[in-house]
């Protein structure tokens, strides 16, 4: 059975995932360079999203951000909040639609303007 990929497993201090831009990385037993690179990309995107959430007057918390980007019912919001929490801690994999939602919501504040051009 293959090892399950968990992004934070590639950090020396997993508790810093998505929180601090300068962190130390490691290669876990059974890890790969591809997953190490993916973990670093997710970490840096999560740092940007966390910074934007904290500095945006309309959000300030992950729960408020989840409500702001959601078209779902309250019970679905709760599930999405839990999933986003795992993603931001590096316990689950960041999806491209997570990045796109953050970009649409925060715009230039997220710092991905060179990646995404909106009409």
N, C-alpha and C. Protein backbone atom coordinates (compact mmCIF):
# COMPACT_ATOMS: atom_id res chain seq x y z
N UNK A 1 0.84 -1.17 0.00
CA UNK A 1 0.00 0.00 0.00
C UNK A 1 0.89 1.25 0.00
N UNK A 2 0.57 2.22 -0.84
CA UNK A 2 1.36 3.43 -0.96
C UNK A 2 1.14 4.35 0.24
N UNK A 3 2.17 5.13 0.55
CA UNK A 3 2.03 6.13 1.61
C UNK A 3 1.06 7.21 1.18
N UNK A 4 0.28 7.69 2.10
CA UNK A 4 -0.66 8.78 1.83
C UNK A 4 0.12 10.09 1.88
N UNK A 5 -0.07 10.94 0.87
CA UNK A 5 0.61 12.23 0.80
C UNK A 5 -0.09 13.23 1.71
N UNK A 6 0.66 13.77 2.66
CA UNK A 6 0.19 14.82 3.56
C UNK A 6 1.22 15.95 3.48
N UNK A 7 0.84 17.11 2.94
CA UNK A 7 1.81 18.18 2.71
C UNK A 7 2.66 18.56 3.92
N UNK A 8 2.08 18.63 5.10
CA UNK A 8 2.83 19.06 6.27
C UNK A 8 3.88 18.05 6.73
N UNK A 9 3.81 16.82 6.23
CA UNK A 9 4.82 15.81 6.58
C UNK A 9 6.20 16.17 6.05
N UNK A 10 6.26 17.11 5.13
CA UNK A 10 7.52 17.52 4.53
C UNK A 10 8.16 18.69 5.27
N UNK A 11 7.58 19.13 6.35
CA UNK A 11 8.12 20.25 7.13
C UNK A 11 8.79 19.73 8.39
N UNK A 12 9.87 20.41 8.78
CA UNK A 12 10.53 20.10 10.04
C UNK A 12 9.59 20.45 11.20
N UNK A 13 8.90 21.57 11.09
CA UNK A 13 7.93 22.01 12.11
C UNK A 13 6.55 22.09 11.47
N UNK A 14 5.80 20.99 11.42
CA UNK A 14 4.49 20.98 10.75
C UNK A 14 3.49 22.00 11.31
N UNK A 15 3.65 22.41 12.56
CA UNK A 15 2.75 23.39 13.16
C UNK A 15 2.88 24.77 12.52
N UNK A 16 3.93 24.99 11.73
CA UNK A 16 4.15 26.28 11.05
C UNK A 16 3.54 26.30 9.65
N UNK A 17 2.94 25.19 9.21
CA UNK A 17 2.42 25.10 7.85
C UNK A 17 1.39 26.20 7.60
N UNK A 18 1.61 26.94 6.52
CA UNK A 18 0.69 27.99 6.11
C UNK A 18 0.72 29.25 6.95
N UNK A 19 1.61 29.29 7.93
CA UNK A 19 1.63 30.42 8.86
C UNK A 19 2.85 31.31 8.70
N UNK A 20 4.00 30.73 8.47
CA UNK A 20 5.24 31.48 8.41
C UNK A 20 5.92 31.22 7.06
N UNK A 21 6.35 32.28 6.36
CA UNK A 21 6.94 32.09 5.02
C UNK A 21 8.27 31.34 5.03
N UNK A 22 9.08 31.56 6.05
CA UNK A 22 10.41 30.92 6.09
C UNK A 22 10.39 29.74 7.05
N UNK A 23 10.37 28.55 6.49
CA UNK A 23 10.33 27.34 7.29
C UNK A 23 11.37 26.35 6.76
N UNK A 24 11.65 25.34 7.55
CA UNK A 24 12.59 24.30 7.13
C UNK A 24 11.83 23.10 6.59
N UNK A 25 12.41 22.50 5.58
CA UNK A 25 11.79 21.37 4.91
C UNK A 25 12.62 20.12 5.12
N UNK A 26 11.98 18.97 4.97
CA UNK A 26 12.67 17.68 5.08
C UNK A 26 12.07 16.72 4.07
N UNK A 27 12.77 15.65 3.83
CA UNK A 27 12.26 14.58 2.98
C UNK A 27 11.86 13.43 3.90
N UNK A 28 10.54 13.20 4.07
CA UNK A 28 10.13 12.09 4.94
C UNK A 28 10.45 10.74 4.29
N UNK A 29 10.48 9.72 5.11
CA UNK A 29 10.71 8.37 4.60
C UNK A 29 9.62 8.06 3.58
N UNK A 30 10.02 7.62 2.41
CA UNK A 30 9.07 7.30 1.36
C UNK A 30 8.59 8.51 0.58
N UNK A 31 9.12 9.70 0.89
CA UNK A 31 8.71 10.92 0.21
C UNK A 31 9.30 11.03 -1.19
N UNK A 32 8.90 12.07 -1.90
CA UNK A 32 9.42 12.30 -3.24
C UNK A 32 9.67 13.79 -3.47
N UNK A 33 10.55 14.09 -4.43
CA UNK A 33 10.84 15.48 -4.76
C UNK A 33 9.59 16.19 -5.28
N UNK A 34 8.75 15.48 -6.00
CA UNK A 34 7.52 16.08 -6.53
C UNK A 34 6.61 16.51 -5.38
N UNK A 35 6.41 15.64 -4.40
CA UNK A 35 5.56 15.98 -3.27
C UNK A 35 6.20 17.03 -2.37
N UNK A 36 7.52 17.05 -2.29
CA UNK A 36 8.20 18.11 -1.55
C UNK A 36 7.92 19.46 -2.21
N UNK A 37 8.04 19.52 -3.53
CA UNK A 37 7.75 20.76 -4.26
C UNK A 37 6.28 21.15 -4.11
N UNK A 38 5.39 20.17 -4.22
CA UNK A 38 3.95 20.44 -4.06
C UNK A 38 3.66 20.98 -2.66
N UNK A 39 4.31 20.43 -1.65
CA UNK A 39 4.11 20.89 -0.28
C UNK A 39 4.58 22.33 -0.12
N UNK A 40 5.70 22.66 -0.73
CA UNK A 40 6.22 24.03 -0.65
C UNK A 40 5.28 25.01 -1.35
N UNK A 41 4.77 24.63 -2.50
CA UNK A 41 3.83 25.50 -3.23
C UNK A 41 2.57 25.71 -2.40
N UNK A 42 2.00 24.62 -1.87
CA UNK A 42 0.79 24.76 -1.06
C UNK A 42 1.06 25.62 0.17
N UNK A 43 2.18 25.40 0.83
CA UNK A 43 2.51 26.18 2.02
C UNK A 43 2.54 27.67 1.69
N UNK A 44 3.21 28.04 0.63
CA UNK A 44 3.34 29.46 0.29
C UNK A 44 2.00 30.07 -0.13
N UNK A 45 1.17 29.30 -0.81
CA UNK A 45 -0.17 29.80 -1.14
C UNK A 45 -1.02 29.95 0.13
N UNK A 46 -0.90 29.01 1.05
CA UNK A 46 -1.65 29.10 2.30
C UNK A 46 -1.18 30.29 3.14
N UNK A 47 0.11 30.59 3.12
CA UNK A 47 0.61 31.78 3.82
C UNK A 47 -0.06 33.02 3.24
N UNK A 48 -0.12 33.12 1.92
CA UNK A 48 -0.75 34.28 1.28
C UNK A 48 -2.24 34.37 1.61
N UNK A 49 -2.92 33.24 1.56
CA UNK A 49 -4.36 33.24 1.88
C UNK A 49 -4.57 33.61 3.35
N UNK A 50 -3.80 33.03 4.26
CA UNK A 50 -3.92 33.37 5.68
C UNK A 50 -3.67 34.85 5.92
N UNK A 51 -2.64 35.40 5.28
CA UNK A 51 -2.35 36.83 5.43
C UNK A 51 -3.51 37.68 4.92
N UNK A 52 -4.07 37.30 3.78
CA UNK A 52 -5.19 38.05 3.21
C UNK A 52 -6.42 37.95 4.10
N UNK A 53 -6.69 36.77 4.64
CA UNK A 53 -7.83 36.58 5.54
C UNK A 53 -7.69 37.49 6.75
N UNK A 54 -6.51 37.52 7.35
CA UNK A 54 -6.29 38.30 8.57
C UNK A 54 -6.36 39.80 8.34
N UNK A 55 -5.95 40.27 7.16
CA UNK A 55 -5.89 41.71 6.92
C UNK A 55 -7.13 42.27 6.21
N UNK A 56 -8.02 41.40 5.75
CA UNK A 56 -9.21 41.85 5.04
C UNK A 56 -10.31 42.17 6.05
N UNK A 57 -10.83 43.37 5.96
CA UNK A 57 -11.85 43.81 6.91
C UNK A 57 -13.10 42.95 6.89
N UNK A 58 -13.40 42.33 5.75
CA UNK A 58 -14.61 41.52 5.64
C UNK A 58 -14.47 40.10 6.14
N UNK A 59 -13.26 39.67 6.44
CA UNK A 59 -13.10 38.29 6.87
C UNK A 59 -12.48 38.19 8.26
N UNK A 60 -11.22 38.41 8.40
CA UNK A 60 -10.47 38.34 9.66
C UNK A 60 -10.28 36.93 10.21
N UNK A 61 -11.20 36.01 9.93
CA UNK A 61 -11.07 34.63 10.39
C UNK A 61 -11.37 33.68 9.24
N UNK A 62 -10.88 32.45 9.36
CA UNK A 62 -11.16 31.45 8.33
C UNK A 62 -12.65 31.15 8.24
N UNK A 63 -13.34 31.17 9.37
CA UNK A 63 -14.79 30.92 9.37
C UNK A 63 -15.52 32.00 8.58
N UNK A 64 -15.16 33.26 8.80
CA UNK A 64 -15.80 34.36 8.07
C UNK A 64 -15.46 34.29 6.59
N UNK A 65 -14.23 33.94 6.27
CA UNK A 65 -13.82 33.78 4.87
C UNK A 65 -14.63 32.66 4.21
N UNK A 66 -14.79 31.54 4.90
CA UNK A 66 -15.55 30.41 4.36
C UNK A 66 -16.98 30.83 4.05
N UNK A 67 -17.60 31.58 4.95
CA UNK A 67 -18.97 32.07 4.70
C UNK A 67 -18.99 33.03 3.52
N UNK A 68 -17.98 33.87 3.40
CA UNK A 68 -17.95 34.88 2.33
C UNK A 68 -17.82 34.26 0.95
N UNK A 69 -17.13 33.14 0.83
CA UNK A 69 -16.92 32.54 -0.49
C UNK A 69 -17.93 31.44 -0.81
N UNK A 70 -18.83 31.16 0.11
CA UNK A 70 -19.73 30.03 -0.02
C UNK A 70 -21.11 30.44 -0.52
N UNK A 71 -21.69 29.56 -1.34
CA UNK A 71 -23.08 29.69 -1.76
C UNK A 71 -23.92 28.57 -1.13
N UNK A 72 -23.35 27.91 -0.16
CA UNK A 72 -23.96 26.71 0.40
C UNK A 72 -24.83 27.00 1.61
N UNK A 73 -25.46 25.95 2.10
CA UNK A 73 -26.23 26.03 3.33
C UNK A 73 -25.28 26.00 4.52
N UNK A 74 -25.79 26.24 5.69
CA UNK A 74 -24.96 26.28 6.89
C UNK A 74 -24.25 24.96 7.13
N UNK A 75 -24.92 23.82 6.99
CA UNK A 75 -24.26 22.53 7.23
C UNK A 75 -23.15 22.29 6.22
N UNK A 76 -23.34 22.71 4.99
CA UNK A 76 -22.29 22.57 3.99
C UNK A 76 -21.15 23.54 4.27
N UNK A 77 -21.47 24.73 4.78
CA UNK A 77 -20.43 25.68 5.20
C UNK A 77 -19.56 25.06 6.28
N UNK A 78 -20.17 24.37 7.23
CA UNK A 78 -19.42 23.74 8.32
C UNK A 78 -18.44 22.70 7.78
N UNK A 79 -18.88 21.91 6.81
CA UNK A 79 -18.00 20.91 6.20
C UNK A 79 -16.87 21.58 5.44
N UNK A 80 -17.20 22.65 4.71
CA UNK A 80 -16.18 23.37 3.94
C UNK A 80 -15.18 24.05 4.87
N UNK A 81 -15.66 24.60 5.97
CA UNK A 81 -14.77 25.22 6.95
C UNK A 81 -13.80 24.18 7.51
N UNK A 82 -14.29 23.01 7.84
CA UNK A 82 -13.44 21.95 8.36
C UNK A 82 -12.41 21.53 7.32
N UNK A 83 -12.84 21.39 6.06
CA UNK A 83 -11.91 20.99 4.99
C UNK A 83 -10.85 22.07 4.78
N UNK A 84 -11.28 23.34 4.71
CA UNK A 84 -10.32 24.42 4.52
C UNK A 84 -9.34 24.52 5.69
N UNK A 85 -9.81 24.26 6.88
CA UNK A 85 -8.91 24.24 8.03
C UNK A 85 -7.83 23.19 7.86
N UNK A 86 -8.21 21.98 7.42
CA UNK A 86 -7.23 20.92 7.18
C UNK A 86 -6.26 21.32 6.07
N UNK A 87 -6.77 21.95 5.02
CA UNK A 87 -5.92 22.40 3.91
C UNK A 87 -4.92 23.43 4.41
N UNK A 88 -5.38 24.42 5.16
CA UNK A 88 -4.51 25.50 5.62
C UNK A 88 -3.47 25.02 6.62
N UNK A 89 -3.73 23.91 7.30
CA UNK A 89 -2.76 23.31 8.22
C UNK A 89 -1.87 22.30 7.51
N UNK A 90 -2.11 22.06 6.22
CA UNK A 90 -1.31 21.10 5.47
C UNK A 90 -1.67 19.66 5.72
N UNK A 91 -2.84 19.42 6.28
CA UNK A 91 -3.31 18.06 6.54
C UNK A 91 -4.06 17.49 5.34
N UNK A 92 -4.48 18.36 4.43
CA UNK A 92 -5.20 17.96 3.22
C UNK A 92 -4.62 18.76 2.05
N UNK A 93 -4.92 18.32 0.85
CA UNK A 93 -4.34 18.92 -0.34
C UNK A 93 -5.17 20.10 -0.82
N UNK A 94 -4.49 21.22 -1.07
CA UNK A 94 -5.10 22.41 -1.63
C UNK A 94 -5.53 22.13 -3.06
N UNK A 95 -6.75 22.51 -3.41
CA UNK A 95 -7.25 22.31 -4.77
C UNK A 95 -7.11 23.62 -5.55
N UNK A 96 -7.05 23.50 -6.86
CA UNK A 96 -6.95 24.70 -7.69
C UNK A 96 -8.16 25.60 -7.53
N UNK A 97 -9.34 25.02 -7.31
CA UNK A 97 -10.52 25.88 -7.10
C UNK A 97 -10.44 26.63 -5.77
N UNK A 98 -9.71 26.11 -4.78
CA UNK A 98 -9.48 26.86 -3.55
C UNK A 98 -8.66 28.11 -3.84
N UNK A 99 -7.63 27.95 -4.66
CA UNK A 99 -6.78 29.08 -5.03
C UNK A 99 -7.59 30.08 -5.85
N UNK A 100 -8.38 29.59 -6.79
CA UNK A 100 -9.19 30.47 -7.64
C UNK A 100 -10.21 31.25 -6.81
N UNK A 101 -10.87 30.60 -5.84
CA UNK A 101 -11.82 31.30 -4.98
C UNK A 101 -11.13 32.41 -4.18
N UNK A 102 -9.95 32.10 -3.67
CA UNK A 102 -9.21 33.11 -2.92
C UNK A 102 -8.82 34.27 -3.83
N UNK A 103 -8.39 33.97 -5.04
CA UNK A 103 -8.00 35.03 -5.98
C UNK A 103 -9.19 35.91 -6.34
N UNK A 104 -10.33 35.29 -6.63
CA UNK A 104 -11.53 36.05 -6.97
C UNK A 104 -11.98 36.90 -5.78
N UNK A 105 -11.91 36.33 -4.57
CA UNK A 105 -12.36 37.05 -3.38
C UNK A 105 -11.42 38.20 -2.99
N UNK A 106 -10.12 37.93 -2.98
CA UNK A 106 -9.17 38.92 -2.49
C UNK A 106 -8.52 39.77 -3.59
N UNK A 107 -8.54 39.28 -4.83
CA UNK A 107 -7.94 40.03 -5.93
C UNK A 107 -6.46 40.26 -5.74
N UNK A 108 -6.01 41.47 -6.01
CA UNK A 108 -4.58 41.80 -5.95
C UNK A 108 -3.99 41.61 -4.56
N UNK A 109 -4.82 41.67 -3.55
CA UNK A 109 -4.36 41.49 -2.17
C UNK A 109 -3.68 40.13 -1.97
N UNK A 110 -4.09 39.13 -2.75
CA UNK A 110 -3.52 37.80 -2.62
C UNK A 110 -2.13 37.72 -3.25
N UNK A 111 -1.82 38.61 -4.16
CA UNK A 111 -0.49 38.62 -4.75
C UNK A 111 -0.30 37.64 -5.88
N UNK A 112 -1.38 37.22 -6.52
CA UNK A 112 -1.28 36.30 -7.65
C UNK A 112 -1.67 36.98 -8.96
N UNK A 113 -1.63 38.29 -8.98
CA UNK A 113 -2.09 39.03 -10.16
C UNK A 113 -1.32 38.63 -11.42
N UNK A 114 -0.07 38.20 -11.26
CA UNK A 114 0.70 37.78 -12.42
C UNK A 114 0.31 36.37 -12.88
N UNK A 115 -0.47 35.65 -12.08
CA UNK A 115 -0.91 34.30 -12.44
C UNK A 115 -2.28 34.32 -13.11
N UNK A 116 -3.15 35.21 -12.65
CA UNK A 116 -4.55 35.19 -13.07
C UNK A 116 -4.95 36.56 -13.61
N UNK A 117 -5.58 36.58 -14.75
CA UNK A 117 -6.08 37.83 -15.32
C UNK A 117 -7.60 37.71 -15.43
N UNK A 118 -8.30 38.59 -14.74
CA UNK A 118 -9.75 38.60 -14.79
C UNK A 118 -10.21 39.69 -15.74
N UNK A 119 -11.25 39.41 -16.55
CA UNK A 119 -11.75 40.44 -17.49
C UNK A 119 -12.42 41.57 -16.75
